[in-house]
């Protein structure tokens, strides 16, 4: 990410049809630093128990674009298939070398 974007986060763009009646939509504020208020606080903890870096983690996590459920399922299936294929290949290679050593060196 470029340095300019980290220092000055881009405000969320209004979606189509959200500006009805000429009013400006009010979205979530992306201010970082001492101006963040109770929105960035963790529930149940008083402010003196929350270090600044802890609050900044939650602010950054709100900016993350998380994968959809379908993307997560698809990527999990890819990992399972690749891991299974690699395991079968390495297991076959091991069995082949085992057979080769037993029939050449140990016979």
N, C-alpha and C. Protein backbone atom coordinates (compact mmCIF):
# COMPACT_ATOMS: atom_id res chain seq x y z
N UNK A 1 0.84 -1.16 0.00
CA UNK A 1 0.00 0.00 0.00
C UNK A 1 0.89 1.23 0.00
N UNK A 2 0.49 2.23 -0.75
CA UNK A 2 1.30 3.43 -0.83
C UNK A 2 1.21 4.22 0.46
N UNK A 3 2.26 4.95 0.74
CA UNK A 3 2.35 5.71 1.97
C UNK A 3 1.24 6.76 2.08
N UNK A 4 0.87 7.38 0.96
CA UNK A 4 -0.17 8.41 1.00
C UNK A 4 -1.50 7.83 1.44
N UNK A 5 -1.80 6.61 1.01
CA UNK A 5 -3.08 6.00 1.37
C UNK A 5 -3.10 5.58 2.83
N UNK A 6 -1.95 5.19 3.36
CA UNK A 6 -1.91 4.82 4.77
C UNK A 6 -2.13 6.03 5.66
N UNK A 7 -1.60 7.17 5.27
CA UNK A 7 -1.73 8.36 6.09
C UNK A 7 -3.08 9.03 5.94
N UNK A 8 -3.66 8.97 4.76
CA UNK A 8 -4.94 9.61 4.49
C UNK A 8 -5.88 8.59 3.88
N UNK A 9 -6.60 7.83 4.70
CA UNK A 9 -7.46 6.79 4.15
C UNK A 9 -8.57 7.38 3.28
N UNK A 10 -8.92 6.64 2.26
CA UNK A 10 -9.94 7.07 1.32
C UNK A 10 -11.31 6.84 1.94
N UNK A 11 -12.18 7.84 1.86
CA UNK A 11 -13.54 7.69 2.37
C UNK A 11 -14.29 6.71 1.46
N UNK A 12 -15.23 6.00 2.05
CA UNK A 12 -16.02 5.04 1.29
C UNK A 12 -16.87 5.79 0.27
N UNK A 13 -16.92 5.28 -0.96
CA UNK A 13 -17.71 5.91 -2.01
C UNK A 13 -19.17 5.54 -1.82
N UNK A 14 -20.08 6.47 -2.08
CA UNK A 14 -21.50 6.14 -1.94
C UNK A 14 -21.91 5.14 -3.01
N UNK A 15 -22.80 4.25 -2.64
CA UNK A 15 -23.28 3.25 -3.59
C UNK A 15 -24.36 3.85 -4.46
N UNK A 16 -24.69 3.16 -5.52
CA UNK A 16 -25.68 3.64 -6.47
C UNK A 16 -27.05 3.74 -5.79
N UNK A 17 -27.69 4.86 -5.95
CA UNK A 17 -29.02 5.06 -5.40
C UNK A 17 -29.04 5.46 -3.94
N UNK A 18 -27.87 5.67 -3.33
CA UNK A 18 -27.86 6.01 -1.91
C UNK A 18 -28.01 7.51 -1.69
N UNK A 19 -27.88 8.32 -2.73
CA UNK A 19 -27.95 9.76 -2.59
C UNK A 19 -29.32 10.24 -3.07
N UNK A 20 -30.35 9.87 -2.39
CA UNK A 20 -31.70 10.29 -2.78
C UNK A 20 -32.06 11.57 -2.06
N UNK A 21 -32.75 12.43 -2.74
CA UNK A 21 -33.21 13.66 -2.13
C UNK A 21 -32.12 14.71 -1.98
N UNK A 22 -30.98 14.53 -2.59
CA UNK A 22 -29.91 15.51 -2.55
C UNK A 22 -29.14 15.54 -1.24
N UNK A 23 -29.42 14.63 -0.34
CA UNK A 23 -28.69 14.60 0.93
C UNK A 23 -27.39 13.83 0.75
N UNK A 24 -26.41 14.23 1.50
CA UNK A 24 -25.13 13.55 1.47
C UNK A 24 -25.19 12.36 2.41
N UNK A 25 -24.85 11.15 1.92
CA UNK A 25 -24.91 9.98 2.80
C UNK A 25 -23.84 10.07 3.88
N UNK A 26 -24.16 9.62 5.07
CA UNK A 26 -23.21 9.63 6.16
C UNK A 26 -22.73 8.21 6.37
N UNK A 27 -21.49 7.93 6.00
CA UNK A 27 -20.92 6.60 6.17
C UNK A 27 -20.06 6.56 7.40
N UNK A 28 -19.41 5.42 7.63
CA UNK A 28 -18.53 5.30 8.79
C UNK A 28 -17.30 6.17 8.62
N UNK A 29 -16.87 6.76 9.69
CA UNK A 29 -15.69 7.60 9.67
C UNK A 29 -14.45 6.71 9.71
N UNK A 30 -13.45 7.05 8.93
CA UNK A 30 -12.22 6.27 8.88
C UNK A 30 -11.08 6.99 9.58
N UNK A 31 -11.39 7.87 10.52
CA UNK A 31 -10.35 8.61 11.22
C UNK A 31 -9.56 7.66 12.12
N UNK A 32 -8.26 7.87 12.14
CA UNK A 32 -7.38 7.04 12.95
C UNK A 32 -6.61 7.95 13.90
N UNK A 33 -6.34 7.46 15.08
CA UNK A 33 -5.55 8.23 16.02
C UNK A 33 -6.36 8.62 17.23
N UNK A 34 -5.98 9.73 17.85
CA UNK A 34 -6.64 10.11 19.09
C UNK A 34 -8.10 10.51 18.90
N UNK A 35 -8.53 10.74 17.65
CA UNK A 35 -9.92 11.14 17.42
C UNK A 35 -10.87 9.96 17.44
N UNK A 36 -10.35 8.73 17.41
CA UNK A 36 -11.24 7.57 17.48
C UNK A 36 -11.87 7.51 18.86
N UNK A 37 -13.15 7.25 18.90
CA UNK A 37 -13.87 7.26 20.17
C UNK A 37 -14.29 5.85 20.54
N UNK A 38 -15.41 5.74 21.17
CA UNK A 38 -15.86 4.45 21.69
C UNK A 38 -16.07 3.41 20.61
N UNK A 39 -16.18 3.82 19.35
CA UNK A 39 -16.38 2.84 18.29
C UNK A 39 -15.21 1.87 18.18
N UNK A 40 -14.00 2.35 18.44
CA UNK A 40 -12.81 1.51 18.32
C UNK A 40 -12.51 0.75 19.59
N UNK A 41 -13.21 1.05 20.68
CA UNK A 41 -12.94 0.39 21.95
C UNK A 41 -13.49 -1.02 21.97
N UNK A 42 -12.84 -1.85 22.74
CA UNK A 42 -13.31 -3.21 22.94
C UNK A 42 -14.36 -3.16 24.04
N UNK A 43 -15.44 -3.89 23.84
CA UNK A 43 -16.51 -3.87 24.83
C UNK A 43 -16.03 -4.44 26.15
N UNK A 44 -16.43 -3.80 27.23
CA UNK A 44 -16.14 -4.31 28.55
C UNK A 44 -14.82 -3.87 29.14
N UNK A 45 -13.93 -3.30 28.35
CA UNK A 45 -12.64 -2.86 28.89
C UNK A 45 -12.63 -1.35 29.01
N UNK A 46 -12.21 -0.83 30.15
CA UNK A 46 -12.07 0.62 30.27
C UNK A 46 -10.94 1.12 29.38
N UNK A 47 -10.99 2.39 29.05
CA UNK A 47 -10.04 2.94 28.07
C UNK A 47 -8.60 2.89 28.56
N UNK A 48 -8.35 2.95 29.87
CA UNK A 48 -6.96 2.93 30.34
C UNK A 48 -6.33 1.55 30.22
N UNK A 49 -7.14 0.50 29.99
CA UNK A 49 -6.59 -0.85 29.80
C UNK A 49 -6.36 -1.18 28.32
N UNK A 50 -6.71 -0.26 27.44
CA UNK A 50 -6.56 -0.50 26.01
C UNK A 50 -5.41 0.33 25.46
N UNK A 51 -4.32 -0.31 25.09
CA UNK A 51 -3.22 0.45 24.48
C UNK A 51 -3.65 0.96 23.10
N UNK A 52 -2.96 1.98 22.62
CA UNK A 52 -3.31 2.58 21.33
C UNK A 52 -3.18 1.57 20.20
N UNK A 53 -2.17 0.73 20.25
CA UNK A 53 -1.98 -0.23 19.17
C UNK A 53 -3.12 -1.24 19.13
N UNK A 54 -3.71 -1.53 20.28
CA UNK A 54 -4.84 -2.47 20.33
C UNK A 54 -6.05 -1.88 19.63
N UNK A 55 -6.30 -0.60 19.85
CA UNK A 55 -7.42 0.07 19.17
C UNK A 55 -7.16 0.15 17.67
N UNK A 56 -5.91 0.40 17.29
CA UNK A 56 -5.58 0.50 15.87
C UNK A 56 -5.76 -0.82 15.15
N UNK A 57 -5.57 -1.93 15.84
CA UNK A 57 -5.80 -3.24 15.23
C UNK A 57 -7.25 -3.37 14.81
N UNK A 58 -8.17 -2.98 15.69
CA UNK A 58 -9.59 -3.09 15.37
C UNK A 58 -9.98 -2.14 14.25
N UNK A 59 -9.38 -0.95 14.21
CA UNK A 59 -9.66 -0.02 13.13
C UNK A 59 -9.21 -0.62 11.80
N UNK A 60 -8.02 -1.22 11.79
CA UNK A 60 -7.52 -1.83 10.55
C UNK A 60 -8.34 -3.05 10.14
N UNK A 61 -8.78 -3.85 11.11
CA UNK A 61 -9.58 -5.03 10.78
C UNK A 61 -10.92 -4.66 10.17
N UNK A 62 -11.44 -3.50 10.49
CA UNK A 62 -12.70 -3.05 9.88
C UNK A 62 -12.51 -2.69 8.42
N UNK A 63 -11.27 -2.38 8.01
CA UNK A 63 -10.99 -2.01 6.63
C UNK A 63 -10.74 -3.22 5.73
N UNK A 64 -10.52 -4.38 6.33
CA UNK A 64 -10.18 -5.58 5.56
C UNK A 64 -11.38 -6.05 4.75
N UNK A 65 -11.13 -6.43 3.50
CA UNK A 65 -12.17 -7.01 2.68
C UNK A 65 -12.06 -8.53 2.80
N UNK A 66 -12.92 -9.11 3.63
CA UNK A 66 -12.86 -10.53 3.91
C UNK A 66 -13.44 -11.32 2.75
N UNK A 67 -12.94 -12.55 2.50
CA UNK A 67 -13.50 -13.36 1.41
C UNK A 67 -14.93 -13.80 1.74
N UNK A 68 -15.68 -14.05 0.68
CA UNK A 68 -17.04 -14.53 0.88
C UNK A 68 -17.00 -16.00 1.32
N UNK A 69 -18.14 -16.50 1.75
CA UNK A 69 -18.23 -17.89 2.18
C UNK A 69 -17.89 -18.84 1.03
N UNK A 70 -18.37 -18.54 -0.18
CA UNK A 70 -18.11 -19.40 -1.33
C UNK A 70 -16.63 -19.39 -1.70
N UNK A 71 -15.99 -18.22 -1.64
CA UNK A 71 -14.55 -18.15 -1.93
C UNK A 71 -13.76 -18.96 -0.91
N UNK A 72 -14.15 -18.89 0.35
CA UNK A 72 -13.47 -19.65 1.40
C UNK A 72 -13.61 -21.14 1.16
N UNK A 73 -14.80 -21.59 0.81
CA UNK A 73 -15.03 -23.02 0.53
C UNK A 73 -14.19 -23.46 -0.66
N UNK A 74 -14.19 -22.67 -1.73
CA UNK A 74 -13.42 -23.04 -2.93
C UNK A 74 -11.92 -23.11 -2.64
N UNK A 75 -11.40 -22.14 -1.94
CA UNK A 75 -9.97 -22.14 -1.64
C UNK A 75 -9.60 -23.27 -0.67
N UNK A 76 -10.50 -23.60 0.26
CA UNK A 76 -10.25 -24.73 1.15
C UNK A 76 -10.19 -26.03 0.37
N UNK A 77 -11.09 -26.18 -0.59
CA UNK A 77 -11.08 -27.40 -1.41
C UNK A 77 -9.79 -27.50 -2.23
N UNK A 78 -9.30 -26.38 -2.74
CA UNK A 78 -8.04 -26.39 -3.49
C UNK A 78 -6.91 -26.84 -2.59
N UNK A 79 -6.86 -26.34 -1.37
CA UNK A 79 -5.80 -26.73 -0.44
C UNK A 79 -5.88 -28.21 -0.11
N UNK A 80 -7.09 -28.73 0.12
CA UNK A 80 -7.25 -30.15 0.45
C UNK A 80 -6.82 -31.03 -0.73
N UNK A 81 -7.22 -30.66 -1.95
CA UNK A 81 -6.87 -31.47 -3.13
C UNK A 81 -5.36 -31.44 -3.36
N UNK A 82 -4.74 -30.28 -3.28
CA UNK A 82 -3.29 -30.18 -3.52
C UNK A 82 -2.52 -30.94 -2.43
N UNK A 83 -2.95 -30.81 -1.17
CA UNK A 83 -2.26 -31.51 -0.09
C UNK A 83 -2.41 -33.03 -0.24
N UNK A 84 -3.59 -33.50 -0.65
CA UNK A 84 -3.79 -34.94 -0.85
C UNK A 84 -2.93 -35.44 -2.01
N UNK A 85 -2.92 -34.71 -3.11
CA UNK A 85 -2.12 -35.12 -4.27
C UNK A 85 -0.64 -35.15 -3.93
N UNK A 86 -0.17 -34.15 -3.23
CA UNK A 86 1.24 -34.10 -2.85
C UNK A 86 1.58 -35.23 -1.87
N UNK A 87 0.67 -35.52 -0.93
CA UNK A 87 0.89 -36.61 0.00
C UNK A 87 0.96 -37.96 -0.70
N UNK A 88 0.04 -38.18 -1.66
CA UNK A 88 0.07 -39.44 -2.42
C UNK A 88 1.34 -39.56 -3.26
N UNK A 89 1.76 -38.46 -3.86
CA UNK A 89 2.98 -38.49 -4.67
C UNK A 89 4.20 -38.81 -3.81
N UNK A 90 4.34 -38.12 -2.68
CA UNK A 90 5.50 -38.37 -1.82
C UNK A 90 5.44 -39.76 -1.19
N UNK A 91 4.23 -40.24 -0.85
CA UNK A 91 4.09 -41.59 -0.32
C UNK A 91 4.48 -42.64 -1.35
N UNK A 92 4.06 -42.42 -2.60
CA UNK A 92 4.45 -43.33 -3.68
C UNK A 92 5.95 -43.31 -3.94
N UNK A 93 6.53 -42.15 -3.89
CA UNK A 93 7.98 -42.02 -4.07
C UNK A 93 8.72 -42.75 -2.95
N UNK A 94 8.25 -42.62 -1.73
CA UNK A 94 8.86 -43.30 -0.59
C UNK A 94 8.73 -44.81 -0.73
N UNK A 95 7.54 -45.27 -1.12
CA UNK A 95 7.33 -46.71 -1.29
C UNK A 95 8.22 -47.25 -2.42
N UNK A 96 8.37 -46.46 -3.48
CA UNK A 96 9.23 -46.88 -4.59
C UNK A 96 10.69 -47.00 -4.17
N UNK A 97 11.20 -46.01 -3.45
CA UNK A 97 12.58 -46.09 -2.97
C UNK A 97 12.76 -47.21 -1.97
N UNK A 98 11.75 -47.44 -1.13
CA UNK A 98 11.81 -48.53 -0.16
C UNK A 98 11.92 -49.88 -0.89
N UNK A 99 11.09 -50.08 -1.90
CA UNK A 99 11.12 -51.33 -2.68
C UNK A 99 12.47 -51.46 -3.38
N UNK A 100 12.99 -50.37 -3.96
CA UNK A 100 14.26 -50.40 -4.68
C UNK A 100 15.40 -50.79 -3.75
N UNK A 101 15.43 -50.24 -2.55
CA UNK A 101 16.51 -50.55 -1.61
C UNK A 101 16.40 -51.98 -1.11
N UNK A 102 15.17 -52.44 -0.84
CA UNK A 102 15.00 -53.81 -0.36
C UNK A 102 15.41 -54.84 -1.41
N UNK A 103 15.17 -54.55 -2.68
CA UNK A 103 15.46 -55.54 -3.72
C UNK A 103 16.85 -55.40 -4.33
N UNK A 104 17.56 -54.35 -4.07
CA UNK A 104 18.90 -54.23 -4.62
C UNK A 104 19.99 -54.32 -3.54
N UNK A 105 19.86 -53.53 -2.48
CA UNK A 105 20.92 -53.50 -1.48
C UNK A 105 20.78 -54.60 -0.43
N UNK A 106 19.56 -54.95 -0.07
CA UNK A 106 19.34 -55.88 1.02
C UNK A 106 19.11 -57.31 0.56
N UNK A 107 19.17 -57.60 -0.71
CA UNK A 107 18.92 -58.98 -1.15
C UNK A 107 20.15 -59.80 -1.30
